[in-house]
Amino acid sequence: MKKISPEEEEKRKTAIFESMSSRRQKHILKKGYENWDPFQEPKDPIDIRKDKTKRTTQTLVREFLQTKSFDDYSNAYGRGVFEFCLGIINNDDRYRGMFEFAIWYRELLKREGYEQPTS
């Protein structure tokens, strides 16, 4: 890729800015025009994040859903699994809390004789 001069880059930046809607311009000005870089490289997608087992969210979800028959889950169930998996991988307190509660509740049901352990 050809290197452009700082003057040419500034002209391009100004042209991009002026072609935007006034609402988007206000958003950029609020954060600081000089800090805005319309040429920056995109960030890595979230799918690249991995857990301690070196699996991506997509891999974990696929492996889990393969343990279920198609009759056992719906699209909403699959979305819930994905959202929960993403929350756990990102170490989000909300999902950690739900995870720990689910483990605790299952153990409570077992102790009180409401649930048989699964094989």
N, C-alpha and C. Protein backbone atom coordinates (compact mmCIF):
# COMPACT_ATOMS: atom_id res chain seq x y z
N MET A 1 0.84 -1.18 0.00
CA MET A 1 0.00 0.00 0.00
C MET A 1 0.89 1.25 0.00
N LYS A 2 0.50 2.22 -0.77
CA LYS A 2 1.26 3.44 -0.94
C LYS A 2 1.14 4.35 0.28
N LYS A 3 2.26 4.86 0.75
CA LYS A 3 2.30 5.79 1.89
C LYS A 3 1.80 7.16 1.44
N ILE A 4 0.91 7.75 2.24
CA ILE A 4 0.42 9.09 1.90
C ILE A 4 0.96 10.10 2.90
N SER A 5 1.06 11.32 2.47
CA SER A 5 1.61 12.37 3.32
C SER A 5 0.60 12.74 4.41
N PRO A 6 1.09 13.33 5.50
CA PRO A 6 0.18 13.78 6.57
C PRO A 6 -0.86 14.79 6.06
N GLU A 7 -0.45 15.63 5.11
CA GLU A 7 -1.39 16.63 4.56
C GLU A 7 -2.52 15.94 3.79
N GLU A 8 -2.14 14.93 2.99
CA GLU A 8 -3.14 14.18 2.22
C GLU A 8 -4.06 13.41 3.15
N GLU A 9 -3.51 12.82 4.22
CA GLU A 9 -4.32 12.09 5.18
C GLU A 9 -5.33 13.03 5.85
N GLU A 10 -4.88 14.24 6.20
CA GLU A 10 -5.77 15.21 6.83
C GLU A 10 -6.89 15.62 5.87
N LYS A 11 -6.58 15.79 4.59
CA LYS A 11 -7.60 16.12 3.59
C LYS A 11 -8.64 15.00 3.52
N ARG A 12 -8.17 13.76 3.51
CA ARG A 12 -9.10 12.62 3.44
C ARG A 12 -9.96 12.55 4.71
N LYS A 13 -9.34 12.78 5.85
CA LYS A 13 -10.07 12.76 7.12
C LYS A 13 -11.18 13.81 7.11
N THR A 14 -10.83 15.02 6.65
CA THR A 14 -11.80 16.11 6.57
C THR A 14 -12.93 15.76 5.61
N ALA A 15 -12.60 15.16 4.46
CA ALA A 15 -13.62 14.78 3.49
C ALA A 15 -14.57 13.73 4.07
N ILE A 16 -14.02 12.77 4.79
CA ILE A 16 -14.86 11.74 5.42
C ILE A 16 -15.78 12.39 6.45
N PHE A 17 -15.21 13.26 7.27
CA PHE A 17 -15.98 13.93 8.31
C PHE A 17 -17.12 14.76 7.72
N GLU A 18 -16.82 15.51 6.68
CA GLU A 18 -17.83 16.39 6.08
C GLU A 18 -18.93 15.60 5.35
N SER A 19 -18.65 14.38 4.96
CA SER A 19 -19.66 13.57 4.27
C SER A 19 -20.59 12.87 5.24
N MET A 20 -20.30 12.94 6.53
CA MET A 20 -21.12 12.29 7.56
C MET A 20 -22.33 13.13 7.91
N SER A 21 -23.31 12.46 8.53
CA SER A 21 -24.48 13.17 9.02
C SER A 21 -24.07 14.08 10.17
N SER A 22 -24.85 15.11 10.42
CA SER A 22 -24.52 16.05 11.49
C SER A 22 -24.54 15.36 12.86
N ARG A 23 -25.41 14.37 13.00
CA ARG A 23 -25.48 13.63 14.27
C ARG A 23 -24.17 12.88 14.52
N ARG A 24 -23.65 12.22 13.50
CA ARG A 24 -22.39 11.48 13.64
C ARG A 24 -21.24 12.46 13.86
N GLN A 25 -21.25 13.60 13.19
CA GLN A 25 -20.21 14.63 13.39
C GLN A 25 -20.20 15.10 14.84
N LYS A 26 -21.38 15.33 15.40
CA LYS A 26 -21.47 15.76 16.81
C LYS A 26 -20.86 14.72 17.73
N HIS A 27 -21.12 13.45 17.43
CA HIS A 27 -20.57 12.36 18.25
C HIS A 27 -19.05 12.39 18.21
N ILE A 28 -18.47 12.58 17.04
CA ILE A 28 -17.01 12.63 16.89
C ILE A 28 -16.44 13.86 17.58
N LEU A 29 -17.09 15.01 17.42
CA LEU A 29 -16.62 16.24 18.06
C LEU A 29 -16.67 16.14 19.58
N LYS A 30 -17.68 15.43 20.08
CA LYS A 30 -17.81 15.25 21.53
C LYS A 30 -16.61 14.49 22.09
N LYS A 31 -16.14 13.47 21.33
CA LYS A 31 -14.99 12.68 21.77
C LYS A 31 -13.66 13.34 21.39
N GLY A 32 -13.70 14.28 20.45
CA GLY A 32 -12.49 14.98 20.03
C GLY A 32 -12.08 14.61 18.62
N TYR A 33 -12.23 15.57 17.72
CA TYR A 33 -11.89 15.35 16.31
C TYR A 33 -10.45 14.89 16.15
N GLU A 34 -9.54 15.51 16.90
CA GLU A 34 -8.11 15.17 16.77
C GLU A 34 -7.82 13.74 17.23
N ASN A 35 -8.67 13.16 18.10
CA ASN A 35 -8.49 11.78 18.56
C ASN A 35 -9.13 10.76 17.63
N TRP A 36 -9.98 11.22 16.73
CA TRP A 36 -10.72 10.34 15.82
C TRP A 36 -9.81 9.88 14.69
N ASP A 37 -9.78 8.57 14.46
CA ASP A 37 -8.97 8.02 13.37
C ASP A 37 -9.86 7.16 12.47
N PRO A 38 -10.31 7.74 11.34
CA PRO A 38 -11.18 6.96 10.45
C PRO A 38 -10.43 5.88 9.69
N PHE A 39 -9.11 5.81 9.82
CA PHE A 39 -8.29 4.87 9.06
C PHE A 39 -7.79 3.71 9.92
N GLN A 40 -8.18 3.63 11.19
CA GLN A 40 -7.64 2.59 12.05
C GLN A 40 -8.12 1.20 11.61
N GLU A 41 -7.28 0.22 11.90
CA GLU A 41 -7.58 -1.17 11.56
C GLU A 41 -8.68 -1.69 12.47
N PRO A 42 -9.52 -2.60 11.95
CA PRO A 42 -10.57 -3.16 12.81
C PRO A 42 -9.96 -4.04 13.90
N LYS A 43 -10.65 -4.15 15.02
CA LYS A 43 -10.19 -4.98 16.13
C LYS A 43 -10.48 -6.44 15.84
N ASP A 44 -9.80 -7.33 16.56
CA ASP A 44 -10.05 -8.76 16.41
C ASP A 44 -11.48 -9.07 16.80
N PRO A 45 -12.12 -9.97 16.04
CA PRO A 45 -13.49 -10.33 16.41
C PRO A 45 -13.53 -11.08 17.74
N ILE A 46 -14.66 -10.99 18.41
CA ILE A 46 -14.82 -11.61 19.72
C ILE A 46 -14.71 -13.13 19.65
N ASP A 47 -15.00 -13.71 18.46
CA ASP A 47 -14.94 -15.17 18.31
C ASP A 47 -13.54 -15.72 18.55
N ILE A 48 -12.51 -14.88 18.49
CA ILE A 48 -11.15 -15.35 18.67
C ILE A 48 -10.84 -15.59 20.15
N ARG A 49 -11.60 -15.01 21.04
CA ARG A 49 -11.37 -15.20 22.47
C ARG A 49 -11.55 -16.67 22.82
N LYS A 50 -10.69 -17.15 23.70
CA LYS A 50 -10.73 -18.56 24.09
C LYS A 50 -10.77 -18.68 25.60
N ASP A 51 -11.29 -19.82 26.06
CA ASP A 51 -11.35 -20.08 27.49
C ASP A 51 -10.08 -20.80 27.94
N LYS A 52 -10.08 -21.28 29.17
CA LYS A 52 -8.90 -21.96 29.71
C LYS A 52 -8.55 -23.24 28.96
N THR A 53 -9.55 -23.85 28.31
CA THR A 53 -9.30 -25.08 27.56
C THR A 53 -8.86 -24.80 26.13
N LYS A 54 -8.67 -23.52 25.81
CA LYS A 54 -8.24 -23.07 24.47
C LYS A 54 -9.32 -23.28 23.42
N ARG A 55 -10.59 -23.30 23.85
CA ARG A 55 -11.71 -23.42 22.91
C ARG A 55 -12.37 -22.05 22.74
N THR A 56 -12.85 -21.81 21.53
CA THR A 56 -13.61 -20.58 21.29
C THR A 56 -15.03 -20.78 21.79
N THR A 57 -15.76 -19.68 21.89
CA THR A 57 -17.16 -19.74 22.29
C THR A 57 -17.93 -20.65 21.35
N GLN A 58 -17.70 -20.48 20.07
CA GLN A 58 -18.41 -21.28 19.07
C GLN A 58 -18.13 -22.77 19.25
N THR A 59 -16.89 -23.13 19.53
CA THR A 59 -16.53 -24.54 19.74
C THR A 59 -17.22 -25.10 20.97
N LEU A 60 -17.19 -24.35 22.06
CA LEU A 60 -17.84 -24.80 23.29
C LEU A 60 -19.34 -25.01 23.10
N VAL A 61 -19.98 -24.06 22.45
CA VAL A 61 -21.42 -24.16 22.23
C VAL A 61 -21.73 -25.38 21.35
N ARG A 62 -20.97 -25.55 20.28
CA ARG A 62 -21.18 -26.68 19.38
C ARG A 62 -21.01 -28.01 20.12
N GLU A 63 -19.92 -28.12 20.91
CA GLU A 63 -19.68 -29.36 21.66
C GLU A 63 -20.81 -29.64 22.64
N PHE A 64 -21.29 -28.60 23.32
CA PHE A 64 -22.38 -28.79 24.28
C PHE A 64 -23.66 -29.22 23.58
N LEU A 65 -24.03 -28.50 22.51
CA LEU A 65 -25.29 -28.81 21.82
C LEU A 65 -25.26 -30.19 21.16
N GLN A 66 -24.07 -30.69 20.84
CA GLN A 66 -23.97 -32.04 20.26
C GLN A 66 -24.32 -33.11 21.28
N THR A 67 -24.33 -32.76 22.56
CA THR A 67 -24.72 -33.73 23.59
C THR A 67 -26.24 -33.80 23.73
N LYS A 68 -26.95 -32.94 23.04
CA LYS A 68 -28.41 -32.87 23.10
C LYS A 68 -28.99 -33.36 21.78
N SER A 69 -30.21 -33.90 21.83
CA SER A 69 -30.89 -34.24 20.57
C SER A 69 -31.58 -32.97 20.08
N PHE A 70 -31.91 -32.94 18.81
CA PHE A 70 -32.57 -31.75 18.25
C PHE A 70 -33.90 -31.47 18.94
N ASP A 71 -34.53 -32.51 19.47
CA ASP A 71 -35.81 -32.33 20.16
C ASP A 71 -35.64 -31.70 21.54
N ASP A 72 -34.41 -31.73 22.08
CA ASP A 72 -34.16 -31.23 23.43
C ASP A 72 -33.99 -29.71 23.50
N TYR A 73 -33.80 -29.06 22.38
CA TYR A 73 -33.57 -27.61 22.46
C TYR A 73 -34.15 -26.86 21.27
N SER A 74 -34.42 -25.58 21.53
CA SER A 74 -34.97 -24.67 20.52
C SER A 74 -33.91 -23.64 20.15
N ASN A 75 -34.26 -22.76 19.24
CA ASN A 75 -33.35 -21.66 18.89
C ASN A 75 -33.08 -20.78 20.11
N ALA A 76 -34.11 -20.53 20.90
CA ALA A 76 -33.94 -19.70 22.11
C ALA A 76 -32.98 -20.38 23.08
N TYR A 77 -33.08 -21.69 23.20
CA TYR A 77 -32.18 -22.45 24.07
C TYR A 77 -30.74 -22.30 23.58
N GLY A 78 -30.54 -22.45 22.28
CA GLY A 78 -29.20 -22.31 21.69
C GLY A 78 -28.64 -20.91 21.89
N ARG A 79 -29.48 -19.89 21.72
CA ARG A 79 -29.04 -18.50 21.94
C ARG A 79 -28.65 -18.29 23.40
N GLY A 80 -29.43 -18.89 24.31
CA GLY A 80 -29.12 -18.78 25.73
C GLY A 80 -27.79 -19.43 26.06
N VAL A 81 -27.53 -20.59 25.46
CA VAL A 81 -26.26 -21.28 25.67
C VAL A 81 -25.11 -20.40 25.18
N PHE A 82 -25.28 -19.81 23.99
CA PHE A 82 -24.23 -18.95 23.43
C PHE A 82 -23.99 -17.74 24.32
N GLU A 83 -25.06 -17.06 24.73
CA GLU A 83 -24.92 -15.86 25.57
C GLU A 83 -24.24 -16.19 26.89
N PHE A 84 -24.65 -17.30 27.49
CA PHE A 84 -24.08 -17.72 28.77
C PHE A 84 -22.59 -18.06 28.60
N CYS A 85 -22.27 -18.78 27.54
CA CYS A 85 -20.89 -19.16 27.26
C CYS A 85 -20.01 -17.92 27.08
N LEU A 86 -20.50 -16.96 26.34
CA LEU A 86 -19.77 -15.72 26.12
C LEU A 86 -19.55 -14.98 27.44
N GLY A 87 -20.57 -14.95 28.27
CA GLY A 87 -20.45 -14.30 29.58
C GLY A 87 -19.43 -14.98 30.47
N ILE A 88 -19.41 -16.30 30.44
CA ILE A 88 -18.45 -17.05 31.26
C ILE A 88 -17.03 -16.82 30.75
N ILE A 89 -16.83 -16.88 29.43
CA ILE A 89 -15.49 -16.68 28.87
C ILE A 89 -14.98 -15.27 29.17
N ASN A 90 -15.87 -14.29 29.16
CA ASN A 90 -15.48 -12.91 29.44
C ASN A 90 -15.41 -12.62 30.94
N ASN A 91 -15.66 -13.64 31.75
CA ASN A 91 -15.60 -13.52 33.21
C ASN A 91 -16.54 -12.43 33.73
N ASP A 92 -17.71 -12.32 33.11
CA ASP A 92 -18.72 -11.34 33.50
C ASP A 92 -19.36 -11.79 34.81
N ASP A 93 -19.38 -10.93 35.81
CA ASP A 93 -19.93 -11.27 37.13
C ASP A 93 -21.37 -11.76 37.06
N ARG A 94 -22.16 -11.19 36.18
CA ARG A 94 -23.56 -11.60 36.05
C ARG A 94 -23.66 -13.09 35.72
N TYR A 95 -22.88 -13.53 34.75
CA TYR A 95 -22.93 -14.93 34.32
C TYR A 95 -22.23 -15.85 35.31
N ARG A 96 -21.18 -15.37 35.96
CA ARG A 96 -20.54 -16.17 37.01
C ARG A 96 -21.54 -16.44 38.13
N GLY A 97 -22.31 -15.40 38.48
CA GLY A 97 -23.33 -15.56 39.51
C GLY A 97 -24.40 -16.57 39.10
N MET A 98 -24.85 -16.49 37.87
CA MET A 98 -25.86 -17.44 37.40
C MET A 98 -25.30 -18.87 37.39
N PHE A 99 -24.06 -19.01 36.96
CA PHE A 99 -23.40 -20.31 36.91
C PHE A 99 -23.28 -20.92 38.31
N GLU A 100 -22.78 -20.14 39.25
CA GLU A 100 -22.61 -20.63 40.61
C GLU A 100 -23.95 -20.95 41.26
N PHE A 101 -24.97 -20.13 40.98
CA PHE A 101 -26.30 -20.41 41.52
C PHE A 101 -26.84 -21.72 40.95
N ALA A 102 -26.68 -21.94 39.64
CA ALA A 102 -27.18 -23.16 39.02
C ALA A 102 -26.53 -24.40 39.63
N ILE A 103 -25.23 -24.34 39.87
CA ILE A 103 -24.53 -25.46 40.51
C ILE A 103 -25.08 -25.68 41.93
N TRP A 104 -25.20 -24.61 42.68
CA TRP A 104 -25.70 -24.69 44.05
C TRP A 104 -27.12 -25.27 44.08
N TYR A 105 -27.98 -24.79 43.17
CA TYR A 105 -29.37 -25.22 43.15
C TYR A 105 -29.49 -26.70 42.77
N ARG A 106 -28.69 -27.14 41.83
CA ARG A 106 -28.71 -28.56 41.45
C ARG A 106 -28.30 -29.44 42.63
N GLU A 107 -27.28 -29.00 43.35
CA GLU A 107 -26.84 -29.75 44.53
C GLU A 107 -27.93 -29.77 45.60
N LEU A 108 -28.63 -28.65 45.77
CA LEU A 108 -29.74 -28.57 46.73
C LEU A 108 -30.82 -29.59 46.36
N LEU A 109 -31.20 -29.62 45.08
CA LEU A 109 -32.22 -30.58 44.63
C LEU A 109 -31.77 -32.02 44.87
N LYS A 110 -30.51 -32.31 44.62
CA LYS A 110 -29.99 -33.66 44.85
C LYS A 110 -30.06 -34.02 46.33
N ARG A 111 -29.60 -33.10 47.20
CA ARG A 111 -29.59 -33.34 48.64
C ARG A 111 -30.99 -33.60 49.18
N GLU A 112 -31.96 -32.91 48.61
CA GLU A 112 -33.33 -33.04 49.12
C GLU A 112 -34.14 -34.09 48.36
N GLY A 113 -33.48 -34.83 47.46
CA GLY A 113 -34.11 -35.96 46.80
C GLY A 113 -35.03 -35.62 45.64
N TYR A 114 -34.94 -34.41 45.10
CA TYR A 114 -35.81 -34.03 43.97
C TYR A 114 -35.22 -34.35 42.60
N GLU A 115 -33.96 -34.63 42.56
CA GLU A 115 -33.33 -34.84 41.25
C GLU A 115 -32.36 -36.00 41.36
N GLN A 116 -32.46 -36.89 40.41
CA GLN A 116 -31.51 -38.00 40.35
C GLN A 116 -30.29 -37.54 39.58
N PRO A 117 -29.09 -37.92 40.02
CA PRO A 117 -27.89 -37.55 39.26
C PRO A 117 -27.95 -38.13 37.85
N THR A 118 -27.50 -37.35 36.88
CA THR A 118 -27.48 -37.82 35.50
C THR A 118 -26.20 -38.58 35.24
N SER A 119 -26.28 -39.54 34.32
CA SER A 119 -25.07 -40.34 34.05
C SER A 119 -24.23 -39.75 32.97
